[in-house]
Amino acid sequence: MRCDGFFSGTSGSPWFTRFDEKKGSGDVVGVLGGLNGGGPEGEESDKVSYSPVNDDEIFKLYLDAINGREPKRD
């Protein structure tokens, strides 16, 4: 996503789907990244933000972490 003028200090921000502005809630589907964090290279790379989409495996890993469980390995 191109985001001119919105680039400093945004890393780690959540990406939502089904966001309800009045309630301030939604479903987190990713976490914002950008310059020097695996994003694109080039002259205007500081104006591009990205996020991989979190899937069920990411959320299972998160729940294991907050509940103090070792992740399951195949």
PDB file of N, CA and C in Angstrom:
ATOM      1  N   MET A   1       0.847  -1.159   0.000  1.00  0.00           N
ATOM      2  CA  MET A   1       0.000   0.000   0.000  1.00  0.00           C
ATOM      3  C   MET A   1       0.897   1.228   0.000  1.00  0.00           C
ATOM      4  N   ARG A   2       0.651   2.137  -0.893  1.00  0.00           N
ATOM      5  CA  ARG A   2       1.402   3.390  -0.927  1.00  0.00           C
ATOM      6  C   ARG A   2       0.792   4.341   0.106  1.00  0.00           C
ATOM      7  N   CYS A   3       1.660   4.963   0.907  1.00  0.00           N
ATOM      8  CA  CYS A   3       1.155   5.819   1.981  1.00  0.00           C
ATOM      9  C   CYS A   3       2.057   7.030   2.180  1.00  0.00           C
ATOM     10  N   ASP A   4       2.133   7.886   1.176  1.00  0.00           N
ATOM     11  CA  ASP A   4       2.934   9.110   1.277  1.00  0.00           C
ATOM     12  C   ASP A   4       2.514   9.926   2.498  1.00  0.00           C
ATOM     13  N   GLY A   5       3.484  10.420   3.241  1.00  0.00           N
ATOM     14  CA  GLY A   5       3.196  11.271   4.388  1.00  0.00           C
ATOM     15  C   GLY A   5       2.738  10.506   5.613  1.00  0.00           C
ATOM     16  N   PHE A   6       2.738   9.196   5.540  1.00  0.00           N
ATOM     17  CA  PHE A   6       2.276   8.370   6.654  1.00  0.00           C
ATOM     18  C   PHE A   6       3.249   7.216   6.797  1.00  0.00           C
ATOM     19  N   PHE A   7       4.487   7.557   7.183  1.00  0.00           N
ATOM     20  CA  PHE A   7       5.499   6.516   7.146  1.00  0.00           C
ATOM     21  C   PHE A   7       6.349   6.412   8.403  1.00  0.00           C
ATOM     22  N   SER A   8       6.486   7.428   9.185  1.00  0.00           N
ATOM     23  CA  SER A   8       7.368   7.364  10.343  1.00  0.00           C
ATOM     24  C   SER A   8       6.604   6.934  11.589  1.00  0.00           C
ATOM     25  N   GLY A   9       7.044   5.833  12.191  1.00  0.00           N
ATOM     26  CA  GLY A   9       6.450   5.381  13.447  1.00  0.00           C
ATOM     27  C   GLY A   9       5.196   4.545  13.312  1.00  0.00           C
ATOM     28  N   THR A  10       4.896   4.080  12.128  1.00  0.00           N
ATOM     29  CA  THR A  10       3.675   3.290  11.953  1.00  0.00           C
ATOM     30  C   THR A  10       3.909   1.785  12.053  1.00  0.00           C
ATOM     31  N   SER A  11       5.152   1.346  12.005  1.00  0.00           N
ATOM     32  CA  SER A  11       5.438  -0.088  12.064  1.00  0.00           C
ATOM     33  C   SER A  11       4.855  -0.704  13.326  1.00  0.00           C
ATOM     34  N   GLY A  12       4.262  -1.865  13.161  1.00  0.00           N
ATOM     35  CA  GLY A  12       3.638  -2.567  14.277  1.00  0.00           C
ATOM     36  C   GLY A  12       2.167  -2.269  14.451  1.00  0.00           C
ATOM     37  N   SER A  13       1.650  -1.341  13.648  1.00  0.00           N
ATOM     38  CA  SER A  13       0.223  -1.013  13.736  1.00  0.00           C
ATOM     39  C   SER A  13      -0.610  -2.168  13.193  1.00  0.00           C
ATOM     40  N   PRO A  14      -1.772  -2.414  13.786  1.00  0.00           N
ATOM     41  CA  PRO A  14      -2.612  -3.509  13.295  1.00  0.00           C
ATOM     42  C   PRO A  14      -3.321  -3.159  12.001  1.00  0.00           C
ATOM     43  N   TRP A  15      -3.561  -4.171  11.173  1.00  0.00           N
ATOM     44  CA  TRP A  15      -4.423  -4.054   9.999  1.00  0.00           C
ATOM     45  C   TRP A  15      -5.708  -4.766  10.354  1.00  0.00           C
ATOM     46  N   PHE A  16      -6.821  -4.081  10.167  1.00  0.00           N
ATOM     47  CA  PHE A  16      -8.123  -4.619  10.558  1.00  0.00           C
ATOM     48  C   PHE A  16      -8.990  -4.950   9.356  1.00  0.00           C
ATOM     49  N   THR A  17      -9.898  -5.863   9.583  1.00  0.00           N
ATOM     50  CA  THR A  17     -11.026  -6.088   8.689  1.00  0.00           C
ATOM     51  C   THR A  17     -12.274  -5.963   9.557  1.00  0.00           C
ATOM     52  N   ARG A  18     -13.389  -5.647   8.959  1.00  0.00           N
ATOM     53  CA  ARG A  18     -14.644  -5.454   9.690  1.00  0.00           C
ATOM     54  C   ARG A  18     -14.468  -4.465  10.851  1.00  0.00           C
ATOM     55  N   PHE A  19     -13.755  -3.367  10.599  1.00  0.00           N
ATOM     56  CA  PHE A  19     -13.522  -2.361  11.638  1.00  0.00           C
ATOM     57  C   PHE A  19     -14.785  -1.556  11.885  1.00  0.00           C
ATOM     58  N   ASP A  20     -15.130  -1.404  13.145  1.00  0.00           N
ATOM     59  CA  ASP A  20     -16.287  -0.606  13.561  1.00  0.00           C
ATOM     60  C   ASP A  20     -15.746   0.649  14.238  1.00  0.00           C
ATOM     61  N   GLU A  21     -15.821   1.768  13.548  1.00  0.00           N
ATOM     62  CA  GLU A  21     -15.245   3.016  14.054  1.00  0.00           C
ATOM     63  C   GLU A  21     -15.885   3.456  15.368  1.00  0.00           C
ATOM     64  N   LYS A  22     -17.174   3.266  15.525  1.00  0.00           N
ATOM     65  CA  LYS A  22     -17.860   3.677  16.751  1.00  0.00           C
ATOM     66  C   LYS A  22     -17.409   2.860  17.954  1.00  0.00           C
ATOM     67  N   LYS A  23     -17.227   1.567  17.758  1.00  0.00           N
ATOM     68  CA  LYS A  23     -16.799   0.691  18.863  1.00  0.00           C
ATOM     69  C   LYS A  23     -15.282   0.642  19.005  1.00  0.00           C
ATOM     70  N   GLY A  24     -14.572   1.023  17.932  1.00  0.00           N
ATOM     71  CA  GLY A  24     -13.117   0.953  17.954  1.00  0.00           C
ATOM     72  C   GLY A  24     -12.616  -0.479  17.963  1.00  0.00           C
ATOM     73  N   SER A  25     -13.339  -1.348  17.261  1.00  0.00           N
ATOM     74  CA  SER A  25     -12.949  -2.761  17.257  1.00  0.00           C
ATOM     75  C   SER A  25     -13.058  -3.340  15.852  1.00  0.00           C
ATOM     76  N   GLY A  26     -12.402  -4.459  15.679  1.00  0.00           N
ATOM     77  CA  GLY A  26     -12.430  -5.166  14.412  1.00  0.00           C
ATOM     78  C   GLY A  26     -11.593  -6.421  14.541  1.00  0.00           C
ATOM     79  N   ASP A  27     -11.379  -7.103  13.445  1.00  0.00           N
ATOM     80  CA  ASP A  27     -10.570  -8.320  13.430  1.00  0.00           C
ATOM     81  C   ASP A  27      -9.182  -7.989  12.893  1.00  0.00           C
ATOM     82  N   VAL A  28      -8.155  -8.273  13.674  1.00  0.00           N
ATOM     83  CA  VAL A  28      -6.782  -8.034  13.240  1.00  0.00           C
ATOM     84  C   VAL A  28      -6.399  -9.121  12.241  1.00  0.00           C
ATOM     85  N   VAL A  29      -5.945  -8.705  11.063  1.00  0.00           N
ATOM     86  CA  VAL A  29      -5.549  -9.663  10.039  1.00  0.00           C
ATOM     87  C   VAL A  29      -4.089  -9.501   9.624  1.00  0.00           C
ATOM     88  N   GLY A  30      -3.393  -8.545  10.222  1.00  0.00           N
ATOM     89  CA  GLY A  30      -1.992  -8.330   9.892  1.00  0.00           C
ATOM     90  C   GLY A  30      -1.394  -7.253  10.768  1.00  0.00           C
ATOM     91  N   VAL A  31      -0.071  -7.077  10.612  1.00  0.00           N
ATOM     92  CA  VAL A  31       0.661  -6.062  11.365  1.00  0.00           C
ATOM     93  C   VAL A  31       1.538  -5.299  10.383  1.00  0.00           C
ATOM     94  N   LEU A  32       1.448  -3.982  10.419  1.00  0.00           N
ATOM     95  CA  LEU A  32       2.110  -3.103   9.460  1.00  0.00           C
ATOM     96  C   LEU A  32       3.625  -3.171   9.567  1.00  0.00           C
ATOM     97  N   GLY A  33       4.264  -3.249   8.424  1.00  0.00           N
ATOM     98  CA  GLY A  33       5.717  -3.176   8.318  1.00  0.00           C
ATOM     99  C   GLY A  33       6.076  -2.147   7.274  1.00  0.00           C
ATOM    100  N   GLY A  34       7.361  -1.891   7.121  1.00  0.00           N
ATOM    101  CA  GLY A  34       7.780  -0.912   6.134  1.00  0.00           C
ATOM    102  C   GLY A  34       9.270  -0.910   5.923  1.00  0.00           C
ATOM    103  N   LEU A  35       9.829   0.240   5.727  1.00  0.00           N
ATOM    104  CA  LEU A  35      11.231   0.427   5.378  1.00  0.00           C
ATOM    105  C   LEU A  35      12.156  -0.400   6.257  1.00  0.00           C
ATOM    106  N   ASN A  36      13.072  -1.112   5.623  1.00  0.00           N
ATOM    107  CA  ASN A  36      14.100  -1.921   6.288  1.00  0.00           C
ATOM    108  C   ASN A  36      13.533  -3.066   7.113  1.00  0.00           C
ATOM    109  N   GLY A  37      12.280  -3.383   6.922  1.00  0.00           N
ATOM    110  CA  GLY A  37      11.686  -4.487   7.665  1.00  0.00           C
ATOM    111  C   GLY A  37      11.186  -5.575   6.742  1.00  0.00           C
ATOM    112  N   GLY A  38      11.782  -5.702   5.579  1.00  0.00           N
ATOM    113  CA  GLY A  38      11.381  -6.728   4.643  1.00  0.00           C
ATOM    114  C   GLY A  38      10.525  -6.218   3.509  1.00  0.00           C
ATOM    115  N   GLY A  39      10.328  -4.925   3.466  1.00  0.00           N
ATOM    116  CA  GLY A  39       9.514  -4.336   2.411  1.00  0.00           C
ATOM    117  C   GLY A  39      10.304  -4.122   1.136  1.00  0.00           C
ATOM    118  N   PRO A  40       9.753  -3.373   0.214  1.00  0.00           N
ATOM    119  CA  PRO A  40      10.414  -3.150  -1.073  1.00  0.00           C
ATOM    120  C   PRO A  40      11.650  -2.278  -0.930  1.00  0.00           C
ATOM    121  N   GLU A  41      12.522  -2.370  -1.917  1.00  0.00           N
ATOM    122  CA  GLU A  41      13.713  -1.533  -1.953  1.00  0.00           C
ATOM    123  C   GLU A  41      13.516  -0.465  -3.021  1.00  0.00           C
ATOM    124  N   GLY A  42      14.343   0.557  -2.970  1.00  0.00           N
ATOM    125  CA  GLY A  42      14.290   1.569  -4.012  1.00  0.00           C
ATOM    126  C   GLY A  42      14.102   2.964  -3.459  1.00  0.00           C
ATOM    127  N   GLU A  43      14.077   3.904  -4.373  1.00  0.00           N
ATOM    128  CA  GLU A  43      14.050   5.318  -4.033  1.00  0.00           C
ATOM    129  C   GLU A  43      12.842   5.724  -3.186  1.00  0.00           C
ATOM    130  N   GLU A  44      11.700   5.130  -3.402  1.00  0.00           N
ATOM    131  CA  GLU A  44      10.491   5.523  -2.681  1.00  0.00           C
ATOM    132  C   GLU A  44      10.004   4.453  -1.711  1.00  0.00           C
ATOM    133  N   SER A  45      10.908   3.583  -1.270  1.00  0.00           N
ATOM    134  CA  SER A  45      10.507   2.483  -0.389  1.00  0.00           C
ATOM    135  C   SER A  45       9.977   2.969   0.954  1.00  0.00           C
ATOM    136  N   ASP A  46      10.368   4.183   1.362  1.00  0.00           N
ATOM    137  CA  ASP A  46       9.878   4.700   2.645  1.00  0.00           C
ATOM    138  C   ASP A  46       8.419   5.146   2.566  1.00  0.00           C
ATOM    139  N   LYS A  47       7.839   5.100   1.375  1.00  0.00           N
ATOM    140  CA  LYS A  47       6.442   5.510   1.200  1.00  0.00           C
ATOM    141  C   LYS A  47       5.520   4.312   0.995  1.00  0.00           C
ATOM    142  N   VAL A  48       6.053   3.102   1.193  1.00  0.00           N
ATOM    143  CA  VAL A  48       5.277   1.885   0.982  1.00  0.00           C
ATOM    144  C   VAL A  48       5.180   1.112   2.284  1.00  0.00           C
ATOM    145  N   SER A  49       3.983   0.757   2.677  1.00  0.00           N
ATOM    146  CA  SER A  49       3.756  -0.095   3.838  1.00  0.00           C
ATOM    147  C   SER A  49       3.171  -1.414   3.364  1.00  0.00           C
ATOM    148  N   TYR A  50       3.359  -2.440   4.145  1.00  0.00           N
ATOM    149  CA  TYR A  50       2.901  -3.758   3.750  1.00  0.00           C
ATOM    150  C   TYR A  50       2.517  -4.553   4.991  1.00  0.00           C
ATOM    151  N   SER A  51       1.814  -5.626   4.774  1.00  0.00           N
ATOM    152  CA  SER A  51       1.518  -6.559   5.846  1.00  0.00           C
ATOM    153  C   SER A  51       1.216  -7.920   5.245  1.00  0.00           C
ATOM    154  N   PRO A  52       1.892  -8.967   5.741  1.00  0.00           N
ATOM    155  CA  PRO A  52       1.435 -10.296   5.367  1.00  0.00           C
ATOM    156  C   PRO A  52       0.085 -10.532   6.050  1.00  0.00           C
ATOM    157  N   VAL A  53      -0.763 -11.330   5.450  1.00  0.00           N
ATOM    158  CA  VAL A  53      -2.060 -11.627   6.052  1.00  0.00           C
ATOM    159  C   VAL A  53      -1.884 -12.758   7.063  1.00  0.00           C
ATOM    160  N   ASN A  54      -2.330 -12.513   8.283  1.00  0.00           N
ATOM    161  CA  ASN A  54      -2.259 -13.546   9.315  1.00  0.00           C
ATOM    162  C   ASN A  54      -3.330 -14.593   9.061  1.00  0.00           C
ATOM    163  N   ASP A  55      -2.958 -15.858   9.200  1.00  0.00           N
ATOM    164  CA  ASP A  55      -3.927 -16.931   9.009  1.00  0.00           C
ATOM    165  C   ASP A  55      -4.153 -17.658  10.343  1.00  0.00           C
ATOM    166  N   ASP A  56      -4.913 -18.728  10.313  1.00  0.00           N
ATOM    167  CA  ASP A  56      -5.243 -19.460  11.535  1.00  0.00           C
ATOM    168  C   ASP A  56      -4.001 -19.960  12.268  1.00  0.00           C
ATOM    169  N   GLU A  57      -2.952 -20.347  11.538  1.00  0.00           N
ATOM    170  CA  GLU A  57      -1.737 -20.845  12.180  1.00  0.00           C
ATOM    171  C   GLU A  57      -1.066 -19.758  13.022  1.00  0.00           C
ATOM    172  N   ILE A  58      -1.085 -18.527  12.545  1.00  0.00           N
ATOM    173  CA  ILE A  58      -0.512 -17.408  13.301  1.00  0.00           C
ATOM    174  C   ILE A  58      -1.297 -17.214  14.592  1.00  0.00           C
ATOM    175  N   PHE A  59      -2.617 -17.265  14.506  1.00  0.00           N
ATOM    176  CA  PHE A  59      -3.431 -17.053  15.700  1.00  0.00           C
ATOM    177  C   PHE A  59      -3.287 -18.203  16.691  1.00  0.00           C
ATOM    178  N   LYS A  60      -3.102 -19.422  16.212  1.00  0.00           N
ATOM    179  CA  LYS A  60      -2.848 -20.561  17.109  1.00  0.00           C
ATOM    180  C   LYS A  60      -1.519 -20.363  17.837  1.00  0.00           C
ATOM    181  N   LEU A  61      -0.504 -19.913  17.113  1.00  0.00           N
ATOM    182  CA  LEU A  61       0.799 -19.644  17.723  1.00  0.00           C
ATOM    183  C   LEU A  61       0.682 -18.553  18.784  1.00  0.00           C
ATOM    184  N   TYR A  62      -0.052 -17.505  18.481  1.00  0.00           N
ATOM    185  CA  TYR A  62      -0.283 -16.412  19.432  1.00  0.00           C
ATOM    186  C   TYR A  62      -0.971 -16.936  20.699  1.00  0.00           C
ATOM    187  N   LEU A  63      -2.016 -17.722  20.532  1.00  0.00           N
ATOM    188  CA  LEU A  63      -2.724 -18.265  21.698  1.00  0.00           C
ATOM    189  C   LEU A  63      -1.826 -19.177  22.525  1.00  0.00           C
ATOM    190  N   ASP A  64      -1.003 -19.978  21.861  1.00  0.00           N
ATOM    191  CA  ASP A  64      -0.045 -20.809  22.594  1.00  0.00           C
ATOM    192  C   ASP A  64       0.898 -19.940  23.419  1.00  0.00           C
ATOM    193  N   ALA A  65       1.374 -18.854  22.826  1.00  0.00           N
ATOM    194  CA  ALA A  65       2.319 -17.973  23.519  1.00  0.00           C
ATOM    195  C   ALA A  65       1.685 -17.315  24.745  1.00  0.00           C
ATOM    196  N   ILE A  66       0.482 -16.781  24.602  1.00  0.00           N
ATOM    197  CA  ILE A  66      -0.119 -16.094  25.745  1.00  0.00           C
ATOM    198  C   ILE A  66      -0.593 -17.068  26.823  1.00  0.00           C
ATOM    199  N   ASN A  67      -0.770 -18.337  26.446  1.00  0.00           N
ATOM    200  CA  ASN A  67      -1.166 -19.341  27.424  1.00  0.00           C
ATOM    201  C   ASN A  67       0.004 -20.169  27.933  1.00  0.00           C
ATOM    202  N   GLY A  68       1.232 -19.782  27.542  1.00  0.00           N
ATOM    203  CA  GLY A  68       2.434 -20.438  28.044  1.00  0.00           C
ATOM    204  C   GLY A  68       2.642 -21.849  27.528  1.00  0.00           C
ATOM    205  N   ARG A  69       2.062 -22.172  26.371  1.00  0.00           N
ATOM    206  CA  ARG A  69       2.224 -23.514  25.804  1.00  0.00           C
ATOM    207  C   ARG A  69       3.317 -23.504  24.745  1.00  0.00           C
ATOM    208  N   GLU A  70       4.037 -24.602  24.674  1.00  0.00           N
ATOM    209  CA  GLU A  70       5.022 -24.778  23.600  1.00  0.00           C
ATOM    210  C   GLU A  70       4.275 -24.976  22.289  1.00  0.00           C
ATOM    211  N   PRO A  71       4.740 -24.353  21.213  1.00  0.00           N
ATOM    212  CA  PRO A  71       4.069 -24.563  19.931  1.00  0.00           C
ATOM    213  C   PRO A  71       4.205 -26.016  19.487  1.00  0.00           C
ATOM    214  N   LYS A  72       3.185 -26.524  18.808  1.00  0.00           N
ATOM    215  CA  LYS A  72       3.210 -27.886  18.292  1.00  0.00           C
ATOM    216  C   LYS A  72       4.088 -27.908  17.053  1.00  0.00           C
ATOM    217  N   ARG A  73       4.954 -28.904  16.998  1.00  0.00           N
ATOM    218  CA  ARG A  73       5.851 -29.058  15.837  1.00  0.00           C
ATOM    219  C   ARG A  73       5.531 -30.371  15.153  1.00  0.00           C
ATOM    220  N   ASP A  74       5.579 -30.348  13.831  1.00  0.00           N
ATOM    221  CA  ASP A  74       5.322 -31.577  13.060  1.00  0.00           C
ATOM    222  C   ASP A  74       6.548 -32.435  12.981  1.00  0.00           C
TER     223      ASP A  74
END
